[in-house]
Amino acid sequence: MDYVSVFMSWLPTYLGIAVLLFLQWLAIRKGVLVSVEYSKKERLSLAIVVFSILAMSYSSNDNLLFLLFGFVAAVVVYSRKKFYKLRLKKS
């Protein structure tokens, strides 16, 4: 299998991610998503959830990269201080 056919098989996924990132950028610009800062305890909880979701993929696939990717993703989530959430309209 050559690289072009592999890329073309993943092209819908890449396009979907690009569309989602564009929609996220648009939502931030329009003010639908607002910036929030979470405490260390909340970030640690979120990091544990992210790691456990990716670690569960390891148990079904036996691919050690899921554990490594889960650890890296958890470290990134914990070290990041700025997140975005939906702005709730008060009626």
PDB file of N, CA and C in Angstrom:
ATOM      1  N   MET A   1       0.849  -1.177   0.000  1.00  0.00           N
ATOM      2  CA  MET A   1       0.000   0.000   0.000  1.00  0.00           C
ATOM      3  C   MET A   1       0.895   1.240   0.000  1.00  0.00           C
ATOM      4  N   ASP A   2       0.614   2.127  -0.889  1.00  0.00           N
ATOM      5  CA  ASP A   2       1.448   3.326  -0.978  1.00  0.00           C
ATOM      6  C   ASP A   2       0.858   4.453  -0.132  1.00  0.00           C
ATOM      7  N   TYR A   3       1.625   5.512   0.019  1.00  0.00           N
ATOM      8  CA  TYR A   3       1.248   6.613   0.894  1.00  0.00           C
ATOM      9  C   TYR A   3       0.031   7.387   0.386  1.00  0.00           C
ATOM     10  N   VAL A   4      -0.116   7.470  -0.912  1.00  0.00           N
ATOM     11  CA  VAL A   4      -1.240   8.222  -1.473  1.00  0.00           C
ATOM     12  C   VAL A   4      -2.558   7.531  -1.142  1.00  0.00           C
ATOM     13  N   SER A   5      -2.611   6.223  -1.266  1.00  0.00           N
ATOM     14  CA  SER A   5      -3.856   5.519  -0.966  1.00  0.00           C
ATOM     15  C   SER A   5      -4.174   5.573   0.536  1.00  0.00           C
ATOM     16  N   VAL A   6      -3.150   5.555   1.381  1.00  0.00           N
ATOM     17  CA  VAL A   6      -3.380   5.685   2.825  1.00  0.00           C
ATOM     18  C   VAL A   6      -3.932   7.079   3.130  1.00  0.00           C
ATOM     19  N   PHE A   7      -3.324   8.104   2.514  1.00  0.00           N
ATOM     20  CA  PHE A   7      -3.803   9.469   2.736  1.00  0.00           C
ATOM     21  C   PHE A   7      -5.234   9.635   2.247  1.00  0.00           C
ATOM     22  N   MET A   8      -5.534   9.083   1.090  1.00  0.00           N
ATOM     23  CA  MET A   8      -6.881   9.219   0.537  1.00  0.00           C
ATOM     24  C   MET A   8      -7.917   8.464   1.383  1.00  0.00           C
ATOM     25  N   SER A   9      -7.511   7.379   2.028  1.00  0.00           N
ATOM     26  CA  SER A   9      -8.450   6.659   2.880  1.00  0.00           C
ATOM     27  C   SER A   9      -8.746   7.445   4.161  1.00  0.00           C
ATOM     28  N   TRP A  10      -7.797   8.260   4.609  1.00  0.00           N
ATOM     29  CA  TRP A  10      -7.986   9.080   5.809  1.00  0.00           C
ATOM     30  C   TRP A  10      -8.493  10.487   5.485  1.00  0.00           C
ATOM     31  N   LEU A  11      -8.621  10.838   4.221  1.00  0.00           N
ATOM     32  CA  LEU A  11      -9.007  12.188   3.823  1.00  0.00           C
ATOM     33  C   LEU A  11     -10.340  12.636   4.419  1.00  0.00           C
ATOM     34  N   PRO A  12     -11.394  11.808   4.449  1.00  0.00           N
ATOM     35  CA  PRO A  12     -12.643  12.268   5.085  1.00  0.00           C
ATOM     36  C   PRO A  12     -12.462  12.613   6.568  1.00  0.00           C
ATOM     37  N   THR A  13     -11.622  11.879   7.256  1.00  0.00           N
ATOM     38  CA  THR A  13     -11.359  12.172   8.665  1.00  0.00           C
ATOM     39  C   THR A  13     -10.647  13.507   8.804  1.00  0.00           C
ATOM     40  N   TYR A  14      -9.623  13.733   7.969  1.00  0.00           N
ATOM     41  CA  TYR A  14      -8.894  15.010   8.016  1.00  0.00           C
ATOM     42  C   TYR A  14      -9.815  16.179   7.694  1.00  0.00           C
ATOM     43  N   LEU A  15     -10.683  16.013   6.711  1.00  0.00           N
ATOM     44  CA  LEU A  15     -11.615  17.082   6.355  1.00  0.00           C
ATOM     45  C   LEU A  15     -12.621  17.333   7.479  1.00  0.00           C
ATOM     46  N   GLY A  16     -13.069  16.284   8.117  1.00  0.00           N
ATOM     47  CA  GLY A  16     -13.990  16.439   9.244  1.00  0.00           C
ATOM     48  C   GLY A  16     -13.353  17.195  10.397  1.00  0.00           C
ATOM     49  N   ILE A  17     -12.106  16.883  10.703  1.00  0.00           N
ATOM     50  CA  ILE A  17     -11.384  17.595  11.767  1.00  0.00           C
ATOM     51  C   ILE A  17     -11.200  19.061  11.388  1.00  0.00           C
ATOM     52  N   ALA A  18     -10.870  19.329  10.132  1.00  0.00           N
ATOM     53  CA  ALA A  18     -10.697  20.716   9.680  1.00  0.00           C
ATOM     54  C   ALA A  18     -12.000  21.495   9.801  1.00  0.00           C
ATOM     55  N   VAL A  19     -13.118  20.878   9.446  1.00  0.00           N
ATOM     56  CA  VAL A  19     -14.414  21.548   9.562  1.00  0.00           C
ATOM     57  C   VAL A  19     -14.747  21.823  11.031  1.00  0.00           C
ATOM     58  N   LEU A  20     -14.491  20.856  11.907  1.00  0.00           N
ATOM     59  CA  LEU A  20     -14.765  21.060  13.330  1.00  0.00           C
ATOM     60  C   LEU A  20     -13.893  22.163  13.929  1.00  0.00           C
ATOM     61  N   LEU A  21     -12.629  22.222  13.540  1.00  0.00           N
ATOM     62  CA  LEU A  21     -11.750  23.291  14.031  1.00  0.00           C
ATOM     63  C   LEU A  21     -12.211  24.653  13.522  1.00  0.00           C
ATOM     64  N   PHE A  22     -12.671  24.713  12.279  1.00  0.00           N
ATOM     65  CA  PHE A  22     -13.190  25.973  11.756  1.00  0.00           C
ATOM     66  C   PHE A  22     -14.445  26.401  12.512  1.00  0.00           C
ATOM     67  N   LEU A  23     -15.343  25.460  12.786  1.00  0.00           N
ATOM     68  CA  LEU A  23     -16.556  25.785  13.532  1.00  0.00           C
ATOM     69  C   LEU A  23     -16.230  26.238  14.959  1.00  0.00           C
ATOM     70  N   GLN A  24     -15.208  25.626  15.571  1.00  0.00           N
ATOM     71  CA  GLN A  24     -14.784  26.046  16.905  1.00  0.00           C
ATOM     72  C   GLN A  24     -14.242  27.473  16.862  1.00  0.00           C
ATOM     73  N   TRP A  25     -13.425  27.784  15.876  1.00  0.00           N
ATOM     74  CA  TRP A  25     -12.879  29.131  15.725  1.00  0.00           C
ATOM     75  C   TRP A  25     -14.008  30.137  15.530  1.00  0.00           C
ATOM     76  N   LEU A  26     -14.978  29.763  14.725  1.00  0.00           N
ATOM     77  CA  LEU A  26     -16.110  30.644  14.465  1.00  0.00           C
ATOM     78  C   LEU A  26     -16.928  30.867  15.742  1.00  0.00           C
ATOM     79  N   ALA A  27     -17.128  29.824  16.531  1.00  0.00           N
ATOM     80  CA  ALA A  27     -17.890  29.945  17.779  1.00  0.00           C
ATOM     81  C   ALA A  27     -17.157  30.818  18.794  1.00  0.00           C
ATOM     82  N   ILE A  28     -15.839  30.714  18.855  1.00  0.00           N
ATOM     83  CA  ILE A  28     -15.063  31.568  19.755  1.00  0.00           C
ATOM     84  C   ILE A  28     -15.167  33.019  19.309  1.00  0.00           C
ATOM     85  N   ARG A  29     -15.082  33.240  18.021  1.00  0.00           N
ATOM     86  CA  ARG A  29     -15.139  34.605  17.487  1.00  0.00           C
ATOM     87  C   ARG A  29     -16.514  35.239  17.695  1.00  0.00           C
ATOM     88  N   LYS A  30     -17.586  34.451  17.571  1.00  0.00           N
ATOM     89  CA  LYS A  30     -18.943  34.966  17.745  1.00  0.00           C
ATOM     90  C   LYS A  30     -19.336  35.101  19.215  1.00  0.00           C
ATOM     91  N   GLY A  31     -18.542  34.535  20.126  1.00  0.00           N
ATOM     92  CA  GLY A  31     -18.843  34.637  21.551  1.00  0.00           C
ATOM     93  C   GLY A  31     -19.696  33.520  22.091  1.00  0.00           C
ATOM     94  N   VAL A  32     -19.911  32.476  21.312  1.00  0.00           N
ATOM     95  CA  VAL A  32     -20.683  31.329  21.792  1.00  0.00           C
ATOM     96  C   VAL A  32     -19.852  30.519  22.784  1.00  0.00           C
ATOM     97  N   LEU A  33     -18.557  30.419  22.536  1.00  0.00           N
ATOM     98  CA  LEU A  33     -17.636  29.777  23.465  1.00  0.00           C
ATOM     99  C   LEU A  33     -16.866  30.854  24.216  1.00  0.00           C
ATOM    100  N   VAL A  34     -16.852  30.760  25.539  1.00  0.00           N
ATOM    101  CA  VAL A  34     -16.144  31.744  26.355  1.00  0.00           C
ATOM    102  C   VAL A  34     -14.986  31.072  27.082  1.00  0.00           C
ATOM    103  N   SER A  35     -13.970  31.867  27.379  1.00  0.00           N
ATOM    104  CA  SER A  35     -12.772  31.363  28.044  1.00  0.00           C
ATOM    105  C   SER A  35     -13.033  31.190  29.537  1.00  0.00           C
ATOM    106  N   VAL A  36     -12.593  30.066  30.078  1.00  0.00           N
ATOM    107  CA  VAL A  36     -12.712  29.797  31.515  1.00  0.00           C
ATOM    108  C   VAL A  36     -11.383  29.241  32.016  1.00  0.00           C
ATOM    109  N   GLU A  37     -11.157  29.377  33.315  1.00  0.00           N
ATOM    110  CA  GLU A  37      -9.981  28.778  33.950  1.00  0.00           C
ATOM    111  C   GLU A  37     -10.464  27.834  35.033  1.00  0.00           C
ATOM    112  N   TYR A  38      -9.953  26.618  35.013  1.00  0.00           N
ATOM    113  CA  TYR A  38     -10.337  25.619  35.997  1.00  0.00           C
ATOM    114  C   TYR A  38      -9.266  25.514  37.076  1.00  0.00           C
ATOM    115  N   SER A  39      -9.665  25.078  38.256  1.00  0.00           N
ATOM    116  CA  SER A  39      -8.714  24.900  39.352  1.00  0.00           C
ATOM    117  C   SER A  39      -7.857  23.659  39.095  1.00  0.00           C
ATOM    118  N   LYS A  40      -6.830  23.488  39.916  1.00  0.00           N
ATOM    119  CA  LYS A  40      -5.948  22.318  39.757  1.00  0.00           C
ATOM    120  C   LYS A  40      -6.716  21.020  39.962  1.00  0.00           C
ATOM    121  N   LYS A  41      -7.647  21.022  40.903  1.00  0.00           N
ATOM    122  CA  LYS A  41      -8.420  19.812  41.189  1.00  0.00           C
ATOM    123  C   LYS A  41      -9.303  19.440  39.992  1.00  0.00           C
ATOM    124  N   GLU A  42      -9.931  20.430  39.376  1.00  0.00           N
ATOM    125  CA  GLU A  42     -10.779  20.159  38.207  1.00  0.00           C
ATOM    126  C   GLU A  42      -9.948  19.706  37.017  1.00  0.00           C
ATOM    127  N   ARG A  43      -8.776  20.321  36.820  1.00  0.00           N
ATOM    128  CA  ARG A  43      -7.908  19.903  35.713  1.00  0.00           C
ATOM    129  C   ARG A  43      -7.374  18.494  35.937  1.00  0.00           C
ATOM    130  N   LEU A  44      -7.057  18.139  37.186  1.00  0.00           N
ATOM    131  CA  LEU A  44      -6.591  16.786  37.480  1.00  0.00           C
ATOM    132  C   LEU A  44      -7.697  15.769  37.215  1.00  0.00           C
ATOM    133  N   SER A  45      -8.917  16.098  37.593  1.00  0.00           N
ATOM    134  CA  SER A  45     -10.047  15.194  37.327  1.00  0.00           C
ATOM    135  C   SER A  45     -10.249  14.997  35.829  1.00  0.00           C
ATOM    136  N   LEU A  46     -10.183  16.080  35.076  1.00  0.00           N
ATOM    137  CA  LEU A  46     -10.332  15.992  33.631  1.00  0.00           C
ATOM    138  C   LEU A  46      -9.199  15.183  33.000  1.00  0.00           C
ATOM    139  N   ALA A  47      -7.971  15.364  33.503  1.00  0.00           N
ATOM    140  CA  ALA A  47      -6.834  14.609  32.985  1.00  0.00           C
ATOM    141  C   ALA A  47      -6.988  13.117  33.264  1.00  0.00           C
ATOM    142  N   ILE A  48      -7.497  12.768  34.429  1.00  0.00           N
ATOM    143  CA  ILE A  48      -7.713  11.356  34.766  1.00  0.00           C
ATOM    144  C   ILE A  48      -8.774  10.751  33.853  1.00  0.00           C
ATOM    145  N   VAL A  49      -9.830  11.504  33.565  1.00  0.00           N
ATOM    146  CA  VAL A  49     -10.882  11.010  32.668  1.00  0.00           C
ATOM    147  C   VAL A  49     -10.323  10.791  31.264  1.00  0.00           C
ATOM    148  N   VAL A  50      -9.547  11.758  30.764  1.00  0.00           N
ATOM    149  CA  VAL A  50      -8.969  11.632  29.424  1.00  0.00           C
ATOM    150  C   VAL A  50      -8.037  10.423  29.362  1.00  0.00           C
ATOM    151  N   PHE A  51      -7.183  10.263  30.370  1.00  0.00           N
ATOM    152  CA  PHE A  51      -6.263   9.126  30.384  1.00  0.00           C
ATOM    153  C   PHE A  51      -7.031   7.804  30.452  1.00  0.00           C
ATOM    154  N   SER A  52      -8.063   7.735  31.286  1.00  0.00           N
ATOM    155  CA  SER A  52      -8.773   6.460  31.428  1.00  0.00           C
ATOM    156  C   SER A  52      -9.515   6.076  30.149  1.00  0.00           C
ATOM    157  N   ILE A  53     -10.044   7.058  29.424  1.00  0.00           N
ATOM    158  CA  ILE A  53     -10.720   6.742  28.160  1.00  0.00           C
ATOM    159  C   ILE A  53      -9.724   6.153  27.164  1.00  0.00           C
ATOM    160  N   LEU A  54      -8.562   6.773  27.044  1.00  0.00           N
ATOM    161  CA  LEU A  54      -7.567   6.264  26.099  1.00  0.00           C
ATOM    162  C   LEU A  54      -6.938   4.965  26.590  1.00  0.00           C
ATOM    163  N   ALA A  55      -6.807   4.795  27.886  1.00  0.00           N
ATOM    164  CA  ALA A  55      -6.245   3.554  28.425  1.00  0.00           C
ATOM    165  C   ALA A  55      -7.196   2.379  28.214  1.00  0.00           C
ATOM    166  N   MET A  56      -8.487   2.645  28.197  1.00  0.00           N
ATOM    167  CA  MET A  56      -9.445   1.565  27.929  1.00  0.00           C
ATOM    168  C   MET A  56      -9.291   1.046  26.502  1.00  0.00           C
ATOM    169  N   SER A  57      -8.884   1.909  25.583  1.00  0.00           N
ATOM    170  CA  SER A  57      -8.628   1.458  24.214  1.00  0.00           C
ATOM    171  C   SER A  57      -7.450   0.493  24.183  1.00  0.00           C
ATOM    172  N   TYR A  58      -6.493   0.686  25.081  1.00  0.00           N
ATOM    173  CA  TYR A  58      -5.355  -0.234  25.159  1.00  0.00           C
ATOM    174  C   TYR A  58      -5.830  -1.623  25.555  1.00  0.00           C
ATOM    175  N   SER A  59      -6.774  -1.703  26.482  1.00  0.00           N
ATOM    176  CA  SER A  59      -7.214  -3.015  26.948  1.00  0.00           C
ATOM    177  C   SER A  59      -7.919  -3.804  25.846  1.00  0.00           C
ATOM    178  N   SER A  60      -8.539  -3.120  24.894  1.00  0.00           N
ATOM    179  CA  SER A  60      -9.219  -3.848  23.823  1.00  0.00           C
ATOM    180  C   SER A  60      -8.321  -4.105  22.616  1.00  0.00           C
ATOM    181  N   ASN A  61      -7.291  -3.278  22.409  1.00  0.00           N
ATOM    182  CA  ASN A  61      -6.443  -3.412  21.222  1.00  0.00           C
ATOM    183  C   ASN A  61      -5.054  -3.949  21.504  1.00  0.00           C
ATOM    184  N   ASP A  62      -4.608  -3.916  22.734  1.00  0.00           N
ATOM    185  CA  ASP A  62      -3.243  -4.303  23.114  1.00  0.00           C
ATOM    186  C   ASP A  62      -2.191  -3.477  22.367  1.00  0.00           C
ATOM    187  N   ASN A  63      -2.505  -2.228  22.126  1.00  0.00           N
ATOM    188  CA  ASN A  63      -1.561  -1.317  21.475  1.00  0.00           C
ATOM    189  C   ASN A  63      -1.032  -0.373  22.544  1.00  0.00           C
ATOM    190  N   LEU A  64       0.258  -0.492  22.829  1.00  0.00           N
ATOM    191  CA  LEU A  64       0.883   0.282  23.898  1.00  0.00           C
ATOM    192  C   LEU A  64       0.879   1.782  23.616  1.00  0.00           C
ATOM    193  N   LEU A  65       0.732   2.171  22.355  1.00  0.00           N
ATOM    194  CA  LEU A  65       0.719   3.595  22.026  1.00  0.00           C
ATOM    195  C   LEU A  65      -0.496   4.308  22.610  1.00  0.00           C
ATOM    196  N   PHE A  66      -1.595   3.576  22.851  1.00  0.00           N
ATOM    197  CA  PHE A  66      -2.754   4.195  23.480  1.00  0.00           C
ATOM    198  C   PHE A  66      -2.430   4.652  24.899  1.00  0.00           C
ATOM    199  N   LEU A  67      -1.652   3.853  25.632  1.00  0.00           N
ATOM    200  CA  LEU A  67      -1.240   4.268  26.977  1.00  0.00           C
ATOM    201  C   LEU A  67      -0.335   5.485  26.916  1.00  0.00           C
ATOM    202  N   LEU A  68       0.609   5.473  25.998  1.00  0.00           N
ATOM    203  CA  LEU A  68       1.521   6.608  25.855  1.00  0.00           C
ATOM    204  C   LEU A  68       0.757   7.861  25.438  1.00  0.00           C
ATOM    205  N   PHE A  69      -0.114   7.736  24.452  1.00  0.00           N
ATOM    206  CA  PHE A  69      -0.898   8.874  24.001  1.00  0.00           C
ATOM    207  C   PHE A  69      -1.822   9.368  25.111  1.00  0.00           C
ATOM    208  N   GLY A  70      -2.387   8.465  25.883  1.00  0.00           N
ATOM    209  CA  GLY A  70      -3.250   8.858  26.998  1.00  0.00           C
ATOM    210  C   GLY A  70      -2.488   9.629  28.052  1.00  0.00           C
ATOM    211  N   PHE A  71      -1.266   9.190  28.349  1.00  0.00           N
ATOM    212  CA  PHE A  71      -0.441   9.895  29.329  1.00  0.00           C
ATOM    213  C   PHE A  71      -0.083  11.292  28.828  1.00  0.00           C
ATOM    214  N   VAL A  72       0.322  11.394  27.564  1.00  0.00           N
ATOM    215  CA  VAL A  72       0.675  12.699  26.991  1.00  0.00           C
ATOM    216  C   VAL A  72      -0.540  13.622  26.968  1.00  0.00           C
ATOM    217  N   ALA A  73      -1.695  13.089  26.579  1.00  0.00           N
ATOM    218  CA  ALA A  73      -2.918  13.903  26.545  1.00  0.00           C
ATOM    219  C   ALA A  73      -3.304  14.372  27.946  1.00  0.00           C
ATOM    220  N   ALA A  74      -3.139  13.515  28.944  1.00  0.00           N
ATOM    221  CA  ALA A  74      -3.453  13.896  30.327  1.00  0.00           C
ATOM    222  C   ALA A  74      -2.512  14.992  30.820  1.00  0.00           C
ATOM    223  N   VAL A  75      -1.235  14.896  30.481  1.00  0.00           N
ATOM    224  CA  VAL A  75      -0.279  15.937  30.880  1.00  0.00           C
ATOM    225  C   VAL A  75      -0.630  17.266  30.215  1.00  0.00           C
ATOM    226  N   VAL A  76      -1.002  17.220  28.944  1.00  0.00           N
ATOM    227  CA  VAL A  76      -1.377  18.454  28.231  1.00  0.00           C
ATOM    228  C   VAL A  76      -2.628  19.061  28.851  1.00  0.00           C
ATOM    229  N   VAL A  77      -3.626  18.238  29.157  1.00  0.00           N
ATOM    230  CA  VAL A  77      -4.863  18.746  29.762  1.00  0.00           C
ATOM    231  C   VAL A  77      -4.578  19.354  31.126  1.00  0.00           C
ATOM    232  N   TYR A  78      -3.742  18.693  31.929  1.00  0.00           N
ATOM    233  CA  TYR A  78      -3.456  19.204  33.270  1.00  0.00           C
ATOM    234  C   TYR A  78      -2.646  20.494  33.226  1.00  0.00           C
ATOM    235  N   SER A  79      -1.713  20.600  32.300  1.00  0.00           N
ATOM    236  CA  SER A  79      -0.849  21.779  32.265  1.00  0.00           C
ATOM    237  C   SER A  79      -1.527  22.983  31.616  1.00  0.00           C
ATOM    238  N   ARG A  80      -2.576  22.752  30.877  1.00  0.00           N
ATOM    239  CA  ARG A  80      -3.273  23.847  30.205  1.00  0.00           C
ATOM    240  C   ARG A  80      -4.170  24.573  31.209  1.00  0.00           C
ATOM    241  N   LYS A  81      -4.150  25.885  31.189  1.00  0.00           N
ATOM    242  CA  LYS A  81      -4.948  26.644  32.146  1.00  0.00           C
ATOM    243  C   LYS A  81      -6.188  27.259  31.521  1.00  0.00           C
ATOM    244  N   LYS A  82      -6.188  27.455  30.222  1.00  0.00           N
ATOM    245  CA  LYS A  82      -7.290  28.142  29.556  1.00  0.00           C
ATOM    246  C   LYS A  82      -8.104  27.139  28.740  1.00  0.00           C
ATOM    247  N   PHE A  83      -9.394  27.070  29.037  1.00  0.00           N
ATOM    248  CA  PHE A  83     -10.315  26.204  28.318  1.00  0.00           C
ATOM    249  C   PHE A  83     -11.482  27.048  27.820  1.00  0.00           C
ATOM    250  N   TYR A  84     -12.305  26.463  26.987  1.00  0.00           N
ATOM    251  CA  TYR A  84     -13.494  27.141  26.480  1.00  0.00           C
ATOM    252  C   TYR A  84     -14.722  26.319  26.814  1.00  0.00           C
ATOM    253  N   LYS A  85     -15.806  27.023  27.131  1.00  0.00           N
ATOM    254  CA  LYS A  85     -17.068  26.336  27.367  1.00  0.00           C
ATOM    255  C   LYS A  85     -18.188  27.147  26.750  1.00  0.00           C
ATOM    256  N   LEU A  86     -19.337  26.510  26.587  1.00  0.00           N
ATOM    257  CA  LEU A  86     -20.496  27.198  26.008  1.00  0.00           C
ATOM    258  C   LEU A  86     -20.992  28.278  26.954  1.00  0.00           C
ATOM    259  N   ARG A  87     -21.290  29.420  26.392  1.00  0.00           N
ATOM    260  CA  ARG A  87     -21.857  30.506  27.190  1.00  0.00           C
ATOM    261  C   ARG A  87     -23.330  30.195  27.429  1.00  0.00           C
ATOM    262  N   LEU A  88     -23.718  30.164  28.686  1.00  0.00           N
ATOM    263  CA  LEU A  88     -25.099  29.897  29.030  1.00  0.00           C
ATOM    264  C   LEU A  88     -25.850  31.210  29.108  1.00  0.00           C
ATOM    265  N   LYS A  89     -26.934  31.288  28.362  1.00  0.00           N
ATOM    266  CA  LYS A  89     -27.741  32.515  28.362  1.00  0.00           C
ATOM    267  C   LYS A  89     -28.702  32.479  29.541  1.00  0.00           C
ATOM    268  N   LYS A  90     -28.720  33.545  30.293  1.00  0.00           N
ATOM    269  CA  LYS A  90     -29.644  33.651  31.411  1.00  0.00           C
ATOM    270  C   LYS A  90     -30.921  34.300  30.915  1.00  0.00           C
ATOM    271  N   SER A  91     -32.033  33.626  31.159  1.00  0.00           N
ATOM    272  CA  SER A  91     -33.301  34.167  30.669  1.00  0.00           C
ATOM    273  C   SER A  91     -34.111  34.803  31.782  1.00  0.00           C
TER     274      SER A  91
END
